[in-house]
Amino acid sequence: MVTQQDVLKALEAVIDPELGLNIVELGLIYGVQVESGEVSVKMTLSARGCPLHTSITNGVENVIKRMDGVNGVKVEVVWDPPWTPDRIAPETKKRMGFR
């Protein structure tokens, strides 16, 4: 059975092309729910007018659909709370030179 942790690990393969980092490290994933093989992801993007919106959300769907035990995927893009660089994983901030 697929778990929330399995999904988050798989989502590390989805890279934000503008920043070159995965969407989990960037803090773009706000929540993952798994119930009877149905996976729901609540996420955001780094900017409302992101030209790669479709590419990134399609990447999320495709990565999850390929997982064993997944029967369906729902991706919801939300804007509240707004994304800020504070959501970036601490170790990633260090690599990027943030303090």
Protein backbone atom coordinates (compact mmCIF):
# COMPACT_ATOMS: atom_id res chain seq x y z
CA MET A 1 0.00 0.00 0.00
CA VAL A 2 1.31 3.44 -0.94
CA THR A 3 1.89 5.87 1.94
CA GLN A 4 2.15 9.63 2.32
CA GLN A 5 5.92 9.27 2.78
CA ASP A 6 6.16 7.20 -0.42
CA VAL A 7 4.37 9.96 -2.33
CA LEU A 8 6.57 12.71 -0.90
CA LYS A 9 9.70 10.74 -1.80
CA ALA A 10 8.41 10.22 -5.36
CA LEU A 11 7.61 13.93 -5.69
CA GLU A 12 11.28 14.74 -5.18
CA ALA A 13 11.63 13.77 -8.85
CA VAL A 14 9.54 16.80 -9.89
CA ILE A 15 11.89 19.72 -10.46
CA ASP A 16 10.93 23.38 -10.65
CA PRO A 17 12.76 24.22 -13.89
CA GLU A 18 13.28 27.87 -13.01
CA LEU A 19 14.93 27.16 -9.66
CA GLY A 20 16.40 23.73 -10.46
CA LEU A 21 15.20 22.28 -7.17
CA ASN A 22 12.58 19.69 -6.42
CA ILE A 23 9.14 20.83 -5.34
CA VAL A 24 9.36 19.09 -1.96
CA GLU A 25 12.60 20.90 -1.02
CA LEU A 26 11.03 24.17 -2.13
CA GLY A 27 8.09 23.68 0.21
CA LEU A 28 5.54 23.74 -2.61
CA ILE A 29 3.73 20.66 -1.27
CA TYR A 30 1.22 21.68 1.40
CA GLY A 31 -0.32 18.28 1.96
CA VAL A 32 -0.65 14.69 0.75
CA GLN A 33 -3.50 12.36 1.58
CA VAL A 34 -3.71 8.70 0.63
CA GLU A 35 -6.90 6.71 1.02
CA SER A 36 -7.54 3.33 -0.61
CA GLY A 37 -5.05 4.04 -3.39
CA GLU A 38 -6.47 7.49 -4.12
CA VAL A 39 -3.87 10.23 -3.70
CA SER A 40 -4.72 13.89 -3.18
CA VAL A 41 -2.02 16.53 -3.27
CA LYS A 42 -2.46 20.12 -2.16
CA MET A 43 0.32 22.30 -3.49
CA THR A 44 1.24 25.78 -4.55
CA LEU A 45 3.67 27.41 -6.94
CA SER A 46 6.30 30.04 -6.26
CA ALA A 47 4.33 32.65 -8.23
CA ARG A 48 0.68 32.99 -9.31
CA GLY A 49 1.52 33.66 -12.93
CA CYS A 50 4.02 30.82 -13.15
CA PRO A 51 4.33 29.96 -16.86
CA LEU A 52 5.25 26.38 -15.93
CA HIS A 53 2.05 25.78 -13.91
CA THR A 54 0.79 23.02 -16.21
CA SER A 55 4.20 21.42 -16.62
CA ILE A 56 4.76 21.16 -12.87
CA THR A 57 1.26 19.92 -12.00
CA ASN A 58 1.39 17.39 -14.85
CA GLY A 59 4.75 16.23 -13.48
CA VAL A 60 3.17 15.69 -10.06
CA GLU A 61 0.30 13.68 -11.55
CA ASN A 62 2.56 11.58 -13.76
CA VAL A 63 5.02 10.69 -11.00
CA ILE A 64 2.22 9.60 -8.67
CA LYS A 65 0.28 7.67 -11.34
CA ARG A 66 3.36 5.51 -11.97
CA MET A 67 3.50 4.39 -8.34
CA ASP A 68 2.38 0.86 -7.48
CA GLY A 69 -0.89 0.85 -5.57
CA VAL A 70 -2.16 4.19 -6.87
CA ASN A 71 -5.65 4.12 -8.40
CA GLY A 72 -6.19 7.83 -8.90
CA VAL A 73 -4.61 11.25 -8.41
CA LYS A 74 -6.07 14.65 -7.64
CA VAL A 75 -3.81 17.72 -7.61
CA GLU A 76 -5.15 20.95 -6.17
CA VAL A 77 -3.15 24.17 -6.57
CA VAL A 78 -3.87 26.65 -3.78
CA TRP A 79 -2.63 30.16 -3.11
CA ASP A 80 -3.37 30.41 0.59
CA PRO A 81 -1.09 30.49 2.40
CA PRO A 82 1.11 32.16 -0.18
CA TRP A 83 4.47 30.56 -0.80
CA THR A 84 7.56 32.36 0.51
CA PRO A 85 11.23 31.36 0.59
CA ASP A 86 10.71 30.60 4.29
CA ARG A 87 9.10 27.31 3.16
CA ILE A 88 12.35 26.08 1.59
CA ALA A 89 13.89 23.17 3.52
CA PRO A 90 16.66 24.38 5.89
CA GLU A 91 19.37 22.21 4.32
CA THR A 92 18.41 23.52 0.88
CA LYS A 93 18.61 27.11 2.12
CA LYS A 94 22.15 26.43 3.33
CA ARG A 95 23.15 25.04 -0.08
CA MET A 96 21.63 28.12 -1.72
CA GLY A 97 23.51 30.49 0.59
CA PHE A 98 20.46 31.75 2.52
CA ARG A 99 20.94 32.60 6.18
